[in-house]
């Protein structure tokens, strides 16, 4: 059983390293969790990431590519920033400008997802189609 309790950053990092395994990848585990603004060392432990804003997918893919993805959309992460803090700051806010920015990011991801659907069947696209379907 996986506990469902609020954890402090240190506790969640210890658990995630334990689940991640000490280098043995013989067992495949899919663990879905929500975590609000993990510190950068915990963020670095994620393999795959799905970022939502108001129920809309803004990014889904390798965690290591998150910052580059948003940078390619014109939203570079400031140097020395925690990627999780950057993503939260980028995708949340109540102003009209914030909502327009998020809408543009959601639209961009929908195009990425549609490209994956359209190209499904090629050898590389099958691997990248759905990062949570493996």
C-alpha atoms as a PDB file:
ATOM      1  CA  UNK A   1       0.000   0.000   0.000  1.00  0.00           C
ATOM      2  CA  UNK A   2       1.123   3.521  -0.775  1.00  0.00           C
ATOM      3  CA  UNK A   3       0.477   5.975   2.028  1.00  0.00           C
ATOM      4  CA  UNK A   4      -1.640   8.989   1.205  1.00  0.00           C
ATOM      5  CA  UNK A   5      -0.518  11.598   3.679  1.00  0.00           C
ATOM      6  CA  UNK A   6       0.944  15.075   3.397  1.00  0.00           C
ATOM      7  CA  UNK A   7       4.725  14.844   3.563  1.00  0.00           C
ATOM      8  CA  UNK A   8       7.417  17.306   4.222  1.00  0.00           C
ATOM      9  CA  UNK A   9       9.969  17.746   1.463  1.00  0.00           C
ATOM     10  CA  UNK A  10      12.608  15.551   3.135  1.00  0.00           C
ATOM     11  CA  UNK A  11      10.175  12.678   3.749  1.00  0.00           C
ATOM     12  CA  UNK A  12       8.800  12.714   0.215  1.00  0.00           C
ATOM     13  CA  UNK A  13      12.303  12.721  -1.235  1.00  0.00           C
ATOM     14  CA  UNK A  14      13.292   9.698   0.852  1.00  0.00           C
ATOM     15  CA  UNK A  15      10.181   7.829  -0.250  1.00  0.00           C
ATOM     16  CA  UNK A  16      10.648   8.754  -3.887  1.00  0.00           C
ATOM     17  CA  UNK A  17      14.279   7.582  -3.884  1.00  0.00           C
ATOM     18  CA  UNK A  18      13.147   4.305  -2.305  1.00  0.00           C
ATOM     19  CA  UNK A  19      10.422   3.789  -4.917  1.00  0.00           C
ATOM     20  CA  UNK A  20      12.727   4.890  -7.732  1.00  0.00           C
ATOM     21  CA  UNK A  21      14.973   1.989  -6.809  1.00  0.00           C
ATOM     22  CA  UNK A  22      18.638   1.790  -6.092  1.00  0.00           C
ATOM     23  CA  UNK A  23      19.584   1.344  -9.717  1.00  0.00           C
ATOM     24  CA  UNK A  24      17.453  -1.759 -10.380  1.00  0.00           C
ATOM     25  CA  UNK A  25      14.996  -1.199 -13.194  1.00  0.00           C
ATOM     26  CA  UNK A  26      13.782  -4.787 -13.439  1.00  0.00           C
ATOM     27  CA  UNK A  27      10.412  -3.920 -11.928  1.00  0.00           C
ATOM     28  CA  UNK A  28       8.294  -1.310 -13.666  1.00  0.00           C
ATOM     29  CA  UNK A  29       6.146   0.843 -11.427  1.00  0.00           C
ATOM     30  CA  UNK A  30       3.781   3.605 -12.340  1.00  0.00           C
ATOM     31  CA  UNK A  31       3.195   6.001  -9.500  1.00  0.00           C
ATOM     32  CA  UNK A  32       0.901   8.939  -9.945  1.00  0.00           C
ATOM     33  CA  UNK A  33       1.097  11.651  -7.344  1.00  0.00           C
ATOM     34  CA  UNK A  34       0.479  15.301  -6.930  1.00  0.00           C
ATOM     35  CA  UNK A  35       3.160  17.414  -5.406  1.00  0.00           C
ATOM     36  CA  UNK A  36       3.051  21.131  -4.942  1.00  0.00           C
ATOM     37  CA  UNK A  37       6.307  22.926  -5.667  1.00  0.00           C
ATOM     38  CA  UNK A  38       8.895  20.254  -4.883  1.00  0.00           C
ATOM     39  CA  UNK A  39      12.403  21.461  -4.200  1.00  0.00           C
ATOM     40  CA  UNK A  40      14.827  21.075  -7.092  1.00  0.00           C
ATOM     41  CA  UNK A  41      16.408  17.860  -5.773  1.00  0.00           C
ATOM     42  CA  UNK A  42      13.016  16.143  -5.577  1.00  0.00           C
ATOM     43  CA  UNK A  43      12.006  17.516  -8.991  1.00  0.00           C
ATOM     44  CA  UNK A  44      15.172  15.949 -10.428  1.00  0.00           C
ATOM     45  CA  UNK A  45      13.944  12.506  -9.302  1.00  0.00           C
ATOM     46  CA  UNK A  46      10.845  12.600 -11.516  1.00  0.00           C
ATOM     47  CA  UNK A  47      11.061  10.591 -14.730  1.00  0.00           C
ATOM     48  CA  UNK A  48       7.913  11.911 -16.363  1.00  0.00           C
ATOM     49  CA  UNK A  49       5.753  14.880 -15.631  1.00  0.00           C
ATOM     50  CA  UNK A  50       2.232  15.980 -16.482  1.00  0.00           C
ATOM     51  CA  UNK A  51       1.521  19.641 -15.740  1.00  0.00           C
ATOM     52  CA  UNK A  52      -2.070  20.835 -15.525  1.00  0.00           C
ATOM     53  CA  UNK A  53      -3.615  24.255 -15.217  1.00  0.00           C
ATOM     54  CA  UNK A  54      -7.329  24.390 -14.425  1.00  0.00           C
ATOM     55  CA  UNK A  55      -7.683  20.826 -15.718  1.00  0.00           C
ATOM     56  CA  UNK A  56      -5.896  21.453 -19.018  1.00  0.00           C
ATOM     57  CA  UNK A  57      -2.626  19.728 -19.887  1.00  0.00           C
ATOM     58  CA  UNK A  58       0.153  22.241 -20.374  1.00  0.00           C
ATOM     59  CA  UNK A  59       2.994  19.728 -20.630  1.00  0.00           C
ATOM     60  CA  UNK A  60       3.368  15.966 -20.540  1.00  0.00           C
ATOM     61  CA  UNK A  61       6.706  14.321 -21.074  1.00  0.00           C
ATOM     62  CA  UNK A  62      10.131  13.735 -19.612  1.00  0.00           C
ATOM     63  CA  UNK A  63      10.703  15.898 -16.552  1.00  0.00           C
ATOM     64  CA  UNK A  64      14.193  16.686 -17.825  1.00  0.00           C
ATOM     65  CA  UNK A  65      12.678  18.381 -20.895  1.00  0.00           C
ATOM     66  CA  UNK A  66      10.155  20.556 -19.055  1.00  0.00           C
ATOM     67  CA  UNK A  67      12.252  23.719 -18.859  1.00  0.00           C
ATOM     68  CA  UNK A  68      13.335  23.446 -22.509  1.00  0.00           C
ATOM     69  CA  UNK A  69       9.744  22.904 -23.628  1.00  0.00           C
ATOM     70  CA  UNK A  70       8.533  26.116 -21.994  1.00  0.00           C
ATOM     71  CA  UNK A  71      11.631  27.961 -23.192  1.00  0.00           C
ATOM     72  CA  UNK A  72      10.838  26.881 -26.764  1.00  0.00           C
ATOM     73  CA  UNK A  73       7.397  28.457 -26.268  1.00  0.00           C
ATOM     74  CA  UNK A  74       9.040  31.762 -25.350  1.00  0.00           C
ATOM     75  CA  UNK A  75       9.020  31.318 -21.575  1.00  0.00           C
ATOM     76  CA  UNK A  76      12.613  30.723 -20.473  1.00  0.00           C
ATOM     77  CA  UNK A  77      13.293  29.635 -16.916  1.00  0.00           C
ATOM     78  CA  UNK A  78      15.476  32.158 -15.079  1.00  0.00           C
ATOM     79  CA  UNK A  79      18.964  30.905 -14.367  1.00  0.00           C
ATOM     80  CA  UNK A  80      19.348  29.177 -10.975  1.00  0.00           C
ATOM     81  CA  UNK A  81      15.557  28.867 -10.554  1.00  0.00           C
ATOM     82  CA  UNK A  82      13.807  25.771  -9.261  1.00  0.00           C
ATOM     83  CA  UNK A  83      11.978  24.335 -12.300  1.00  0.00           C
ATOM     84  CA  UNK A  84       8.910  23.515 -10.204  1.00  0.00           C
ATOM     85  CA  UNK A  85       8.665  27.083  -8.909  1.00  0.00           C
ATOM     86  CA  UNK A  86       9.125  28.373 -12.447  1.00  0.00           C
ATOM     87  CA  UNK A  87       6.283  26.212 -13.794  1.00  0.00           C
ATOM     88  CA  UNK A  88       3.906  27.197 -10.992  1.00  0.00           C
ATOM     89  CA  UNK A  89       4.696  30.884 -11.467  1.00  0.00           C
ATOM     90  CA  UNK A  90       4.259  30.551 -15.238  1.00  0.00           C
ATOM     91  CA  UNK A  91       0.918  28.755 -15.161  1.00  0.00           C
ATOM     92  CA  UNK A  92      -0.961  30.325 -12.296  1.00  0.00           C
ATOM     93  CA  UNK A  93      -2.288  33.802 -11.784  1.00  0.00           C
ATOM     94  CA  UNK A  94      -5.536  35.630 -11.913  1.00  0.00           C
ATOM     95  CA  UNK A  95      -4.888  38.514 -14.263  1.00  0.00           C
ATOM     96  CA  UNK A  96      -6.139  38.666 -17.839  1.00  0.00           C
ATOM     97  CA  UNK A  97      -2.525  38.544 -19.027  1.00  0.00           C
ATOM     98  CA  UNK A  98      -1.883  35.401 -16.946  1.00  0.00           C
ATOM     99  CA  UNK A  99      -4.962  33.695 -18.360  1.00  0.00           C
ATOM    100  CA  UNK A 100      -3.974  34.587 -21.930  1.00  0.00           C
ATOM    101  CA  UNK A 101      -0.454  33.219 -21.372  1.00  0.00           C
ATOM    102  CA  UNK A 102      -1.824  29.948 -19.969  1.00  0.00           C
ATOM    103  CA  UNK A 103      -4.345  29.681 -22.801  1.00  0.00           C
ATOM    104  CA  UNK A 104      -1.500  29.989 -25.316  1.00  0.00           C
ATOM    105  CA  UNK A 105       0.480  27.292 -23.498  1.00  0.00           C
ATOM    106  CA  UNK A 106      -2.550  24.965 -23.432  1.00  0.00           C
ATOM    107  CA  UNK A 107      -3.120  25.564 -27.160  1.00  0.00           C
ATOM    108  CA  UNK A 108       0.546  24.808 -27.887  1.00  0.00           C
ATOM    109  CA  UNK A 109       0.375  21.533 -25.973  1.00  0.00           C
ATOM    110  CA  UNK A 110      -2.834  20.531 -27.775  1.00  0.00           C
ATOM    111  CA  UNK A 111      -0.912  20.903 -31.054  1.00  0.00           C
ATOM    112  CA  UNK A 112       1.872  18.687 -29.672  1.00  0.00           C
ATOM    113  CA  UNK A 113      -0.685  16.080 -28.626  1.00  0.00           C
ATOM    114  CA  UNK A 114      -2.398  16.234 -32.024  1.00  0.00           C
ATOM    115  CA  UNK A 115       0.958  15.754 -33.765  1.00  0.00           C
ATOM    116  CA  UNK A 116       1.530  12.660 -31.624  1.00  0.00           C
ATOM    117  CA  UNK A 117      -1.866  11.302 -32.662  1.00  0.00           C
ATOM    118  CA  UNK A 118      -1.333  12.137 -36.337  1.00  0.00           C
ATOM    119  CA  UNK A 119       2.106  10.516 -36.385  1.00  0.00           C
ATOM    120  CA  UNK A 120       1.249   7.486 -34.286  1.00  0.00           C
ATOM    121  CA  UNK A 121       2.545   4.373 -35.942  1.00  0.00           C
ATOM    122  CA  UNK A 122       6.085   5.489 -36.658  1.00  0.00           C
ATOM    123  CA  UNK A 123       8.692   3.812 -34.481  1.00  0.00           C
ATOM    124  CA  UNK A 124       9.677   6.927 -32.510  1.00  0.00           C
ATOM    125  CA  UNK A 125       6.176   8.334 -32.186  1.00  0.00           C
ATOM    126  CA  UNK A 126       4.903   5.172 -30.524  1.00  0.00           C
ATOM    127  CA  UNK A 127       7.479   5.655 -27.785  1.00  0.00           C
ATOM    128  CA  UNK A 128       6.509   9.292 -27.326  1.00  0.00           C
ATOM    129  CA  UNK A 129       2.753   9.074 -27.832  1.00  0.00           C
ATOM    130  CA  UNK A 130       1.656   8.901 -24.235  1.00  0.00           C
ATOM    131  CA  UNK A 131       4.258   9.166 -21.535  1.00  0.00           C
ATOM    132  CA  UNK A 132       1.906   7.605 -19.006  1.00  0.00           C
ATOM    133  CA  UNK A 133       0.648   4.703 -21.110  1.00  0.00           C
ATOM    134  CA  UNK A 134       3.718   2.519 -20.923  1.00  0.00           C
END
